[in-house]
N, C-alpha and C. Protein backbone atom coordinates (compact mmCIF):
# COMPACT_ATOMS: atom_id res chain seq x y z
N UNK A 1 -11.28 11.83 15.61
CA UNK A 1 -10.15 11.17 14.63
C UNK A 1 -10.35 9.60 14.57
N UNK A 2 -10.80 8.93 15.56
CA UNK A 2 -11.41 7.65 15.81
C UNK A 2 -12.03 7.24 14.98
N UNK A 3 -13.26 8.38 14.47
CA UNK A 3 -14.10 7.67 13.24
C UNK A 3 -13.47 8.11 11.93
N UNK A 4 -12.21 9.01 11.83
CA UNK A 4 -12.15 8.96 10.41
C UNK A 4 -11.04 7.58 10.50
N UNK A 5 -10.52 7.55 11.49
CA UNK A 5 -9.29 5.93 11.26
C UNK A 5 -10.30 4.55 10.99
N UNK A 6 -11.66 4.61 11.64
CA UNK A 6 -12.26 3.48 11.39
C UNK A 6 -12.80 3.64 10.11
N UNK A 7 -13.60 4.60 9.62
CA UNK A 7 -13.93 4.61 8.39
C UNK A 7 -12.89 4.40 7.22
N UNK A 8 -11.70 5.04 7.58
CA UNK A 8 -10.61 4.83 6.41
C UNK A 8 -10.55 3.02 6.49
N UNK A 9 -10.46 2.29 7.13
CA UNK A 9 -9.84 1.12 7.78
C UNK A 9 -11.03 0.33 7.04
N UNK A 10 -12.27 0.70 7.55
CA UNK A 10 -13.70 -0.30 6.67
C UNK A 10 -13.69 0.31 5.48
N UNK A 11 -13.27 1.29 4.62
CA UNK A 11 -12.81 1.15 3.30
C UNK A 11 -12.28 0.22 2.41
N UNK A 12 -11.20 -0.07 3.52
CA UNK A 12 -10.01 -0.77 3.09
C UNK A 12 -10.55 -2.22 2.67
N UNK A 13 -10.65 -3.16 1.58
CA UNK A 13 -11.30 -4.38 1.67
C UNK A 13 -10.13 -5.25 2.49
N UNK A 14 -8.99 -5.40 2.30
CA UNK A 14 -7.97 -6.05 2.87
C UNK A 14 -7.61 -6.03 4.39
N UNK A 15 -7.97 -4.91 5.07
CA UNK A 15 -7.90 -4.63 6.50
C UNK A 15 -8.79 -4.11 6.86
N UNK A 16 -10.29 -4.90 7.31
CA UNK A 16 -11.29 -4.13 7.86
C UNK A 16 -11.18 -4.17 9.49
N UNK A 17 -11.99 -3.37 10.00
CA UNK A 17 -11.91 -2.86 11.45
C UNK A 17 -11.96 -4.24 12.53
N UNK A 18 -11.78 -4.24 13.40
CA UNK A 18 -11.77 -5.10 14.44
C UNK A 18 -11.84 -4.77 15.81
N UNK A 19 -12.65 -5.52 16.61
CA UNK A 19 -13.08 -5.14 18.23
C UNK A 19 -11.37 -4.61 18.65
N UNK A 20 -10.27 -5.52 18.34
CA UNK A 20 -9.23 -5.43 18.88
C UNK A 20 -8.61 -3.84 18.94
N UNK A 21 -8.95 -3.57 17.67
CA UNK A 21 -8.20 -2.52 16.84
C UNK A 21 -9.34 -1.16 17.24
N UNK A 22 -10.73 -1.56 17.35
CA UNK A 22 -11.17 -0.40 17.89
C UNK A 22 -11.14 0.24 19.81
N UNK A 23 -10.64 -1.15 20.53
CA UNK A 23 -10.34 -0.86 21.55
C UNK A 23 -8.76 -0.02 21.77
N UNK A 24 -7.99 -0.66 20.84
CA UNK A 24 -6.77 0.15 21.02
C UNK A 24 -6.91 1.87 20.78
N UNK A 25 -7.87 2.08 19.67
CA UNK A 25 -8.26 3.51 19.58
C UNK A 25 -9.09 4.11 20.44
N UNK A 26 -10.00 3.31 21.04
CA UNK A 26 -10.37 4.32 22.38
C UNK A 26 -9.60 4.05 23.66
N UNK A 27 -9.01 3.55 23.60
CA UNK A 27 -7.82 3.24 24.99
C UNK A 27 -6.79 4.74 24.72
N UNK A 28 -6.64 5.18 23.53
CA UNK A 28 -5.35 6.07 23.33
C UNK A 28 -6.37 7.95 23.15
N UNK A 29 -7.60 7.83 23.89
CA UNK A 29 -8.21 8.93 23.39
C UNK A 29 -7.70 10.09 24.50
N UNK A 30 -7.06 11.35 23.92
CA UNK A 30 -6.27 12.21 25.25
C UNK A 30 -7.25 13.77 23.86
N UNK A 31 -7.26 14.65 25.36
CA UNK A 31 -7.07 15.88 24.32
C UNK A 31 -6.44 16.74 25.18
N UNK A 32 -5.81 17.83 24.75
CA UNK A 32 -4.98 19.15 25.62
C UNK A 32 -6.07 20.06 25.82
N UNK A 33 -6.33 20.85 26.59
CA UNK A 33 -7.10 22.03 27.25
C UNK A 33 -5.89 23.46 27.17
N UNK A 34 -6.67 24.34 26.72
CA UNK A 34 -6.18 25.40 26.55
C UNK A 34 -5.12 25.96 27.98
N UNK A 35 -3.83 26.41 27.95
CA UNK A 35 -3.10 26.36 28.90
C UNK A 35 -2.29 27.83 28.66
N UNK A 36 -1.22 28.30 29.43
CA UNK A 36 -0.63 29.28 28.86
C UNK A 36 0.36 28.88 28.25
N UNK A 37 0.91 29.40 27.59
CA UNK A 37 2.28 29.11 26.78
C UNK A 37 3.37 27.96 27.49
N UNK A 38 3.67 28.70 28.69
CA UNK A 38 4.48 27.89 29.43
C UNK A 38 3.91 26.33 30.00
N UNK A 39 2.96 26.18 30.10
CA UNK A 39 2.24 24.83 30.40
C UNK A 39 1.11 24.35 29.71
N UNK A 40 1.35 22.91 29.78
CA UNK A 40 0.33 22.00 29.04
C UNK A 40 -0.54 21.28 29.83
N UNK A 41 -2.13 21.55 29.82
CA UNK A 41 -2.76 20.71 30.67
C UNK A 41 -3.43 19.38 30.07
N UNK A 42 -2.95 18.22 30.05
CA UNK A 42 -3.43 17.22 29.75
C UNK A 42 -4.94 16.69 30.28
N UNK A 43 -6.06 16.62 30.01
CA UNK A 43 -7.11 16.38 30.11
C UNK A 43 -7.94 14.79 29.50
N UNK A 44 -8.00 13.92 30.36
CA UNK A 44 -8.17 12.73 29.78
C UNK A 44 -9.96 13.08 29.60
N UNK A 45 -10.33 12.43 28.29
CA UNK A 45 -11.97 12.43 28.11
C UNK A 45 -12.55 11.34 29.00
N UNK A 46 -13.67 11.42 29.10
CA UNK A 46 -14.38 10.22 30.08
C UNK A 46 -14.51 9.24 29.23
N UNK A 47 -14.29 7.96 30.15
CA UNK A 47 -13.77 6.44 29.28
C UNK A 47 -15.22 6.22 28.54
N UNK A 48 -15.45 5.79 27.20
CA UNK A 48 -16.34 5.38 26.54
C UNK A 48 -17.13 4.19 27.05
N UNK A 49 -18.20 4.23 26.96
CA UNK A 49 -19.24 3.10 27.18
C UNK A 49 -19.09 2.10 26.71
N UNK A 50 -18.71 0.47 27.32
CA UNK A 50 -18.17 -0.29 26.97
C UNK A 50 -19.32 -1.33 26.75
N UNK A 51 -19.44 -2.15 25.62
CA UNK A 51 -20.28 -2.97 25.39
C UNK A 51 -20.45 -4.15 26.10
N UNK A 52 -21.23 -5.04 26.02
CA UNK A 52 -21.13 -6.38 26.90
C UNK A 52 -20.03 -7.15 25.97
N UNK A 53 -20.10 -7.04 24.66
CA UNK A 53 -19.48 -8.23 24.31
C UNK A 53 -18.15 -7.73 23.97
N UNK A 54 -17.52 -6.48 25.03
CA UNK A 54 -16.30 -6.28 24.48
C UNK A 54 -15.26 -7.07 24.98
N UNK A 55 -14.30 -7.53 24.60
CA UNK A 55 -13.20 -8.67 25.25
C UNK A 55 -12.13 -7.77 25.51
N UNK A 56 -11.76 -7.82 26.82
CA UNK A 56 -10.23 -6.92 26.96
C UNK A 56 -9.14 -7.66 26.36
N UNK A 57 -8.35 -7.12 25.51
CA UNK A 57 -7.31 -7.47 24.65
C UNK A 57 -5.74 -7.06 25.96
N UNK A 58 -4.89 -8.28 25.47
CA UNK A 58 -3.64 -7.28 25.95
C UNK A 58 -2.43 -6.96 25.05
N UNK A 59 -3.31 -6.70 23.87
CA UNK A 59 -2.59 -6.31 22.71
C UNK A 59 -3.44 -7.08 21.36
N UNK A 60 -2.15 -7.01 20.18
CA UNK A 60 -2.82 -7.32 18.92
C UNK A 60 -2.29 -9.05 18.58
N UNK A 61 -1.63 -9.40 19.36
CA UNK A 61 -0.92 -10.71 19.38
C UNK A 61 -2.11 -11.62 19.60
N UNK A 62 -1.89 -13.22 18.75
CA UNK A 62 -2.75 -14.07 19.14
C UNK A 62 -1.59 -15.20 18.92
N UNK A 63 -2.32 -16.36 19.45
CA UNK A 63 -1.66 -17.74 19.08
C UNK A 63 -1.11 -18.01 17.94
N UNK A 64 -0.51 -18.94 17.60
CA UNK A 64 0.29 -19.13 16.33
C UNK A 64 -0.86 -19.86 15.63
N UNK A 65 -1.53 -20.83 16.19
CA UNK A 65 -2.68 -21.76 15.26
C UNK A 65 -3.73 -20.73 14.99
N UNK A 66 -4.12 -19.57 15.52
CA UNK A 66 -4.90 -18.64 14.82
C UNK A 66 -4.74 -17.65 13.65
N UNK A 67 -3.16 -17.54 14.01
CA UNK A 67 -2.55 -16.97 12.64
C UNK A 67 -2.61 -17.44 11.40
N UNK A 68 -2.07 -19.22 11.38
CA UNK A 68 -2.21 -19.58 10.72
C UNK A 68 -3.18 -19.94 9.93
N UNK A 69 -4.47 -20.15 10.88
CA UNK A 69 -5.87 -20.53 10.24
C UNK A 69 -6.09 -19.16 9.53
N UNK A 70 -5.93 -18.11 9.50
CA UNK A 70 -6.28 -17.02 8.92
C UNK A 70 -5.27 -16.93 7.84
N UNK A 71 -4.16 -17.19 7.94
CA UNK A 71 -3.70 -17.04 6.84
C UNK A 71 -3.99 -17.82 5.50
N UNK A 72 -4.23 -19.55 5.96
CA UNK A 72 -4.81 -20.34 5.06
C UNK A 72 -5.78 -20.16 4.52
N UNK A 73 -6.83 -19.38 4.93
CA UNK A 73 -7.89 -18.56 3.94
C UNK A 73 -7.54 -18.50 2.45
N UNK A 74 -8.63 -18.61 1.81
CA UNK A 74 -8.90 -18.62 0.39
C UNK A 74 -8.55 -16.97 0.35
N UNK A 75 -7.62 -16.36 -0.61
CA UNK A 75 -7.48 -14.67 -1.18
C UNK A 75 -8.62 -14.74 -1.99
N UNK A 76 -9.39 -13.30 -1.59
CA UNK A 76 -10.31 -13.28 -2.70
C UNK A 76 -9.78 -12.90 -4.10
N UNK A 77 -10.64 -13.68 -5.30
CA UNK A 77 -10.24 -13.50 -6.79
C UNK A 77 -9.93 -12.27 -7.21
N UNK A 78 -10.70 -10.88 -6.41
CA UNK A 78 -10.13 -9.84 -6.68
C UNK A 78 -8.81 -9.33 -6.50
N UNK A 79 -8.07 -10.03 -5.60
CA UNK A 79 -6.18 -9.50 -5.51
C UNK A 79 -5.89 -10.13 -5.94
N UNK A 80 -6.17 -11.28 -6.83
CA UNK A 80 -5.16 -12.09 -7.48
C UNK A 80 -4.75 -11.89 -8.58
N UNK A 81 -3.68 -11.56 -9.52
CA UNK A 81 -3.56 -10.95 -10.66
C UNK A 81 -2.90 -12.04 -11.70
N UNK A 82 -2.93 -11.89 -12.85
CA UNK A 82 -2.42 -13.09 -13.72
C UNK A 82 -1.26 -12.20 -14.92
N UNK A 83 -0.40 -13.24 -15.02
CA UNK A 83 0.61 -12.85 -15.85
C UNK A 83 1.46 -13.79 -16.87
N UNK A 84 1.76 -13.71 -17.93
CA UNK A 84 2.25 -14.23 -19.09
C UNK A 84 3.20 -14.70 -18.83
N UNK A 85 3.90 -16.00 -18.75
CA UNK A 85 5.54 -16.48 -18.73
C UNK A 85 5.59 -17.68 -19.70
N UNK A 86 6.27 -17.32 -20.34
CA UNK A 86 6.71 -18.37 -21.24
C UNK A 86 5.49 -19.04 -22.05
N UNK A 87 4.42 -18.40 -22.13
CA UNK A 87 3.62 -19.22 -22.89
C UNK A 87 2.16 -19.47 -21.88
N UNK A 88 2.45 -19.43 -20.60
CA UNK A 88 1.91 -19.79 -19.90
C UNK A 88 0.68 -18.65 -19.15
N UNK A 89 -0.10 -18.80 -18.33
CA UNK A 89 -0.58 -17.96 -17.78
C UNK A 89 -0.17 -18.06 -16.10
N UNK A 90 0.28 -17.32 -15.51
CA UNK A 90 0.62 -17.69 -14.14
C UNK A 90 -0.32 -16.82 -13.01
N UNK A 91 -0.88 -17.37 -12.23
CA UNK A 91 -1.52 -16.55 -11.17
C UNK A 91 -0.90 -16.20 -9.78
N UNK A 92 -0.85 -14.98 -9.53
CA UNK A 92 -0.03 -14.53 -8.24
C UNK A 92 -0.85 -13.53 -7.52
N UNK A 93 -0.63 -13.25 -6.16
CA UNK A 93 -0.87 -12.13 -5.65
C UNK A 93 0.56 -11.06 -5.66
N UNK A 94 0.23 -10.13 -5.93
CA UNK A 94 1.32 -8.75 -5.59
C UNK A 94 1.50 -9.01 -4.40
N UNK A 95 2.92 -8.49 -4.29
CA UNK A 95 3.92 -8.61 -2.83
C UNK A 95 3.13 -7.88 -2.17
N UNK A 96 2.92 -6.71 -2.48
CA UNK A 96 2.07 -5.59 -1.61
C UNK A 96 0.87 -5.72 -1.03
N UNK A 97 0.32 -6.66 -1.90
CA UNK A 97 -1.07 -7.27 -0.97
C UNK A 97 -0.89 -8.22 -0.15
N UNK A 98 0.40 -9.02 -0.04
CA UNK A 98 0.59 -9.98 0.46
C UNK A 98 1.18 -9.60 1.73
N UNK A 99 1.70 -8.54 1.44
CA UNK A 99 2.66 -7.53 2.85
C UNK A 99 1.14 -6.91 3.91
N UNK A 100 0.09 -6.62 3.03
CA UNK A 100 -1.31 -6.00 3.90
C UNK A 100 -1.89 -6.92 4.47
N UNK A 101 -1.85 -8.37 3.93
CA UNK A 101 -2.27 -9.32 4.35
C UNK A 101 -1.58 -9.60 5.56
N UNK A 102 -0.54 -9.88 5.83
CA UNK A 102 0.41 -10.41 6.78
C UNK A 102 -0.07 -9.25 7.96
N UNK A 103 0.28 -8.22 7.26
CA UNK A 103 -0.06 -6.81 8.58
C UNK A 103 -1.35 -7.05 9.28
N UNK A 104 -2.45 -7.50 8.58
CA UNK A 104 -3.84 -7.68 9.01
C UNK A 104 -3.86 -8.73 10.12
N UNK A 105 -3.25 -9.89 9.47
CA UNK A 105 -3.59 -11.27 10.33
C UNK A 105 -2.51 -11.66 10.94
N UNK A 106 -1.18 -11.34 10.91
CA UNK A 106 0.00 -11.39 11.70
C UNK A 106 0.81 -10.20 12.07
N UNK A 107 0.29 -9.08 12.82
CA UNK A 107 0.92 -7.81 12.49
C UNK A 107 2.25 -8.05 13.24
N UNK A 108 2.49 -9.04 13.63
CA UNK A 108 3.73 -9.11 14.42
C UNK A 108 4.76 -9.92 13.83
N UNK A 109 4.60 -9.74 12.36
CA UNK A 109 5.55 -10.34 11.62
C UNK A 109 7.03 -9.89 11.36
N UNK A 110 7.75 -10.71 10.46
CA UNK A 110 8.99 -9.96 10.08
C UNK A 110 9.64 -10.75 8.98
N UNK A 111 10.65 -10.04 8.17
CA UNK A 111 11.11 -10.56 6.95
C UNK A 111 12.08 -10.13 6.71
N UNK A 112 13.55 -11.04 6.27
CA UNK A 112 14.47 -10.40 6.01
C UNK A 112 15.11 -11.11 4.75
N UNK A 113 16.06 -10.56 3.91
CA UNK A 113 16.59 -10.94 2.87
C UNK A 113 17.56 -11.81 3.53
N UNK A 114 17.83 -13.28 3.66
CA UNK A 114 18.98 -14.08 4.10
C UNK A 114 20.29 -13.75 2.80
N UNK A 115 19.94 -13.87 1.71
CA UNK A 115 21.58 -14.18 0.79
C UNK A 115 20.64 -13.52 -0.69
N UNK A 116 21.62 -12.93 -1.40
CA UNK A 116 21.58 -12.74 -2.46
C UNK A 116 22.56 -13.25 -3.59
N UNK A 117 22.47 -14.20 -4.24
CA UNK A 117 23.61 -14.82 -4.85
C UNK A 117 23.05 -14.51 -6.50
N UNK A 118 24.37 -14.27 -7.12
CA UNK A 118 24.41 -14.31 -9.02
C UNK A 118 24.60 -15.84 -9.32
N UNK A 119 24.35 -16.00 -10.61
CA UNK A 119 24.71 -17.47 -10.96
C UNK A 119 25.90 -17.27 -11.54
N UNK A 120 26.73 -18.30 -11.99
CA UNK A 120 28.26 -17.86 -11.96
C UNK A 120 28.18 -17.82 -13.22
N UNK A 121 27.21 -18.12 -14.66
CA UNK A 121 27.54 -17.00 -15.56
C UNK A 121 26.87 -15.75 -15.66
N UNK A 122 26.21 -15.06 -14.61
CA UNK A 122 25.47 -13.65 -14.17
C UNK A 122 24.51 -13.61 -14.81
N UNK A 123 23.89 -14.59 -15.26
CA UNK A 123 22.54 -14.25 -15.81
C UNK A 123 21.25 -14.39 -15.08
N UNK A 124 21.45 -14.64 -14.08
CA UNK A 124 20.61 -14.82 -13.22
C UNK A 124 20.62 -14.62 -11.67
N UNK A 125 19.68 -13.98 -10.71
CA UNK A 125 19.97 -13.86 -9.39
C UNK A 125 18.90 -14.34 -8.45
N UNK A 126 19.44 -15.07 -7.67
CA UNK A 126 18.58 -15.72 -6.47
C UNK A 126 18.41 -15.05 -5.30
N UNK A 127 17.58 -14.86 -4.84
CA UNK A 127 17.30 -14.43 -3.18
C UNK A 127 16.78 -15.24 -2.54
N UNK A 128 17.16 -15.74 -1.11
CA UNK A 128 16.73 -16.11 0.26
C UNK A 128 15.88 -15.22 0.99
N UNK A 129 14.55 -15.27 0.79
CA UNK A 129 13.83 -14.58 2.11
C UNK A 129 13.25 -15.25 3.33
N UNK A 130 13.51 -14.92 4.28
CA UNK A 130 12.61 -15.60 5.86
C UNK A 130 11.62 -14.89 6.23
N UNK A 131 10.46 -15.12 6.44
CA UNK A 131 9.41 -14.92 7.16
C UNK A 131 9.21 -14.99 8.73
N UNK A 132 8.89 -14.52 9.67
CA UNK A 132 8.83 -15.05 10.71
C UNK A 132 7.45 -14.51 11.21
N UNK A 133 6.59 -15.35 12.04
CA UNK A 133 5.70 -15.14 12.35
C UNK A 133 5.61 -15.29 14.20
N UNK A 134 5.17 -14.31 14.99
CA UNK A 134 5.57 -14.31 16.19
C UNK A 134 4.12 -14.01 16.82
N UNK A 135 3.60 -15.19 17.52
CA UNK A 135 2.35 -15.79 18.32
C UNK A 135 2.60 -15.51 19.66
N UNK A 136 1.40 -15.78 20.60
CA UNK A 136 1.48 -15.14 22.00
C UNK A 136 2.29 -17.05 22.56
N UNK A 137 2.26 -17.80 22.00
CA UNK A 137 2.71 -19.36 22.50
C UNK A 137 3.96 -19.69 21.61
N UNK A 138 4.33 -19.10 20.12
CA UNK A 138 5.55 -19.27 19.72
C UNK A 138 5.89 -18.75 18.68
N UNK A 139 6.98 -19.08 18.00
CA UNK A 139 7.44 -18.21 16.95
C UNK A 139 7.83 -19.62 15.91
N UNK A 140 7.67 -18.71 14.70
CA UNK A 140 8.17 -19.88 13.54
C UNK A 140 8.49 -19.00 12.41
N UNK A 141 9.05 -19.89 11.60
CA UNK A 141 9.75 -18.88 10.83
C UNK A 141 10.20 -20.11 9.21
N UNK A 142 9.89 -19.29 7.93
CA UNK A 142 9.99 -20.37 6.78
C UNK A 142 10.82 -19.29 5.64
N UNK A 143 11.41 -19.69 5.10
CA UNK A 143 12.15 -19.62 3.92
C UNK A 143 12.15 -20.24 2.37
N UNK A 144 12.24 -19.16 1.96
CA UNK A 144 12.39 -19.67 0.57
C UNK A 144 12.95 -19.16 -0.80
N UNK A 145 12.69 -19.37 -2.05
CA UNK A 145 13.70 -18.40 -2.75
C UNK A 145 13.33 -18.08 -3.96
N UNK A 146 13.58 -17.10 -4.56
CA UNK A 146 13.21 -16.57 -5.56
C UNK A 146 14.35 -16.05 -6.80
N UNK A 147 14.03 -16.33 -7.94
CA UNK A 147 14.84 -16.26 -9.07
C UNK A 147 14.57 -15.24 -10.11
N UNK A 148 15.42 -14.12 -10.86
CA UNK A 148 14.95 -13.85 -11.85
C UNK A 148 15.80 -13.62 -12.41
N UNK A 149 15.56 -13.29 -14.07
CA UNK A 149 16.73 -13.22 -15.16
C UNK A 149 17.22 -11.73 -15.14
N UNK A 150 18.39 -11.64 -15.51
CA UNK A 150 19.09 -10.06 -15.24
C UNK A 150 18.64 -9.48 -16.16
N UNK A 151 18.92 -10.08 -17.58
CA UNK A 151 18.45 -9.52 -18.70
C UNK A 151 16.71 -8.88 -18.42
N UNK A 152 16.25 -9.60 -18.22
CA UNK A 152 14.63 -9.18 -18.02
C UNK A 152 14.26 -8.51 -17.38
N UNK A 153 14.38 -6.81 -17.77
CA UNK A 153 14.21 -5.95 -17.03
C UNK A 153 12.74 -5.11 -17.34
N UNK A 154 11.81 -5.99 -17.62
CA UNK A 154 10.56 -5.52 -18.13
C UNK A 154 9.78 -4.91 -16.96
N UNK A 155 9.74 -5.48 -15.73
CA UNK A 155 9.12 -5.13 -14.60
C UNK A 155 9.80 -4.81 -13.43
N UNK A 156 11.03 -4.38 -13.62
CA UNK A 156 11.69 -3.60 -12.29
C UNK A 156 13.06 -4.27 -12.37
N UNK A 157 13.74 -3.90 -11.40
CA UNK A 157 15.08 -4.74 -10.90
C UNK A 157 14.93 -6.30 -10.52
N UNK A 158 16.04 -7.04 -11.52
CA UNK A 158 15.89 -8.34 -11.06
C UNK A 158 15.81 -8.97 -9.67
N UNK A 159 16.71 -7.99 -8.99
CA UNK A 159 16.71 -8.10 -7.72
C UNK A 159 15.86 -8.01 -6.58
N UNK A 160 14.99 -6.92 -7.08
CA UNK A 160 13.36 -6.91 -6.45
C UNK A 160 12.57 -7.57 -6.79
N UNK A 161 12.66 -8.36 -7.93
CA UNK A 161 11.59 -9.58 -8.57
C UNK A 161 11.77 -10.57 -7.96
N UNK A 162 13.30 -11.03 -7.76
CA UNK A 162 13.55 -12.35 -6.96
C UNK A 162 12.98 -12.10 -5.65
N UNK A 163 13.40 -11.02 -4.91
CA UNK A 163 12.74 -10.72 -3.66
C UNK A 163 11.55 -10.92 -3.25
N UNK A 164 10.78 -10.15 -4.08
CA UNK A 164 8.94 -10.32 -4.33
C UNK A 164 8.88 -11.73 -4.43
N UNK A 165 9.41 -12.56 -5.00
CA UNK A 165 9.16 -13.93 -5.21
C UNK A 165 9.19 -14.62 -4.41
N UNK A 166 10.56 -14.58 -3.70
CA UNK A 166 10.70 -15.12 -2.50
C UNK A 166 9.84 -15.11 -1.33
N UNK A 167 9.46 -13.95 -1.22
CA UNK A 167 8.85 -13.39 0.05
C UNK A 167 7.21 -14.02 -0.35
N UNK A 168 6.85 -13.84 -1.43
CA UNK A 168 5.20 -14.77 -1.57
C UNK A 168 5.36 -16.11 -1.68
N UNK A 169 6.59 -16.79 -1.56
CA UNK A 169 6.69 -17.92 -1.34
C UNK A 169 6.87 -18.28 -0.33
N UNK A 170 7.59 -17.76 0.71
CA UNK A 170 7.74 -17.82 1.86
C UNK A 170 6.26 -17.71 2.64
N UNK A 171 5.63 -16.94 2.34
CA UNK A 171 4.34 -16.68 2.71
C UNK A 171 3.53 -17.95 2.67
N UNK A 172 3.53 -18.18 1.70
CA UNK A 172 2.79 -19.49 1.06
C UNK A 172 3.25 -20.82 2.10
N UNK A 173 4.65 -20.93 2.69
CA UNK A 173 4.59 -21.91 3.06
C UNK A 173 3.61 -21.89 4.82
N UNK A 174 3.38 -20.62 4.82
CA UNK A 174 2.25 -20.61 5.97
C UNK A 174 1.09 -20.63 5.96
N UNK A 175 0.66 -21.09 4.45
CA UNK A 175 -0.71 -20.98 3.86
C UNK A 175 -1.33 -19.81 2.75
N UNK A 176 -0.62 -19.00 3.20
CA UNK A 176 -1.16 -17.70 2.42
C UNK A 176 -1.07 -17.76 0.82
N UNK A 177 -2.57 -17.88 0.09
CA UNK A 177 -2.12 -17.80 -1.29
C UNK A 177 -2.07 -19.41 -2.03
N UNK A 178 -1.67 -20.11 -0.81
CA UNK A 178 -1.56 -21.86 -1.40
C UNK A 178 -2.21 -22.34 -2.29
N UNK A 179 -3.57 -21.78 -2.37
CA UNK A 179 -4.59 -22.47 -3.10
C UNK A 179 -4.32 -21.91 -4.49
N UNK A 180 -3.33 -21.35 -4.99
CA UNK A 180 -3.03 -20.69 -6.02
C UNK A 180 -2.11 -21.51 -6.99
N UNK A 181 -1.62 -22.69 -6.13
CA UNK A 181 -0.29 -23.19 -6.58
C UNK A 181 -1.06 -25.00 -6.72
N UNK A 182 -2.49 -25.04 -6.26
CA UNK A 182 -2.90 -26.50 -6.44
C UNK A 182 -4.70 -26.02 -7.08
N UNK A 183 -4.88 -25.17 -7.67
CA UNK A 183 -5.91 -24.83 -8.17
C UNK A 183 -6.26 -25.96 -9.25
N UNK A 184 -5.28 -26.59 -10.16
CA UNK A 184 -5.61 -27.25 -10.92
C UNK A 184 -6.18 -28.91 -10.63
N UNK A 185 -5.49 -28.99 -9.30
CA UNK A 185 -5.90 -30.47 -8.52
C UNK A 185 -7.41 -30.49 -7.92
N UNK A 186 -7.81 -29.04 -7.58
CA UNK A 186 -9.11 -29.07 -6.69
C UNK A 186 -10.64 -29.64 -7.98
């Protein structure tokens, strides 16, 4: 099973296998021996041989500065999409890719919708979204808004669109995909 998990993770370009993940997979190695139907015998397999460069970890948490450094790296162009809006082309990272990047670099993050507000005329909806990062040394949150037209149902529900926009923007406040907002200045 370990090799299957590692192969599937290495095929995924967004979440390559890491030594920490491999050590977690190695530490959960158990098998069940044959026993009578009334009893189960758990037989631990021998501990795999450790390499010299294996570093024992206390889990997947890291200091906040390391998480922020990883999130601030440029997102590969193959993950960036382009859409046309009001005659302008806009580059963005789909919310599900942002979610996978967050899971990879900040696996103990959390996010929640803080508010959903419809405009007075009922033509648009705004969502406030909060993303919280948890490091070994601190926790930090960022909030942002997203707004969508109620009449524009071309790509799904307006509340979902506003939430996805707010989520991406909150993650950008941690540096994720921030280069897309400033490409014309670089």
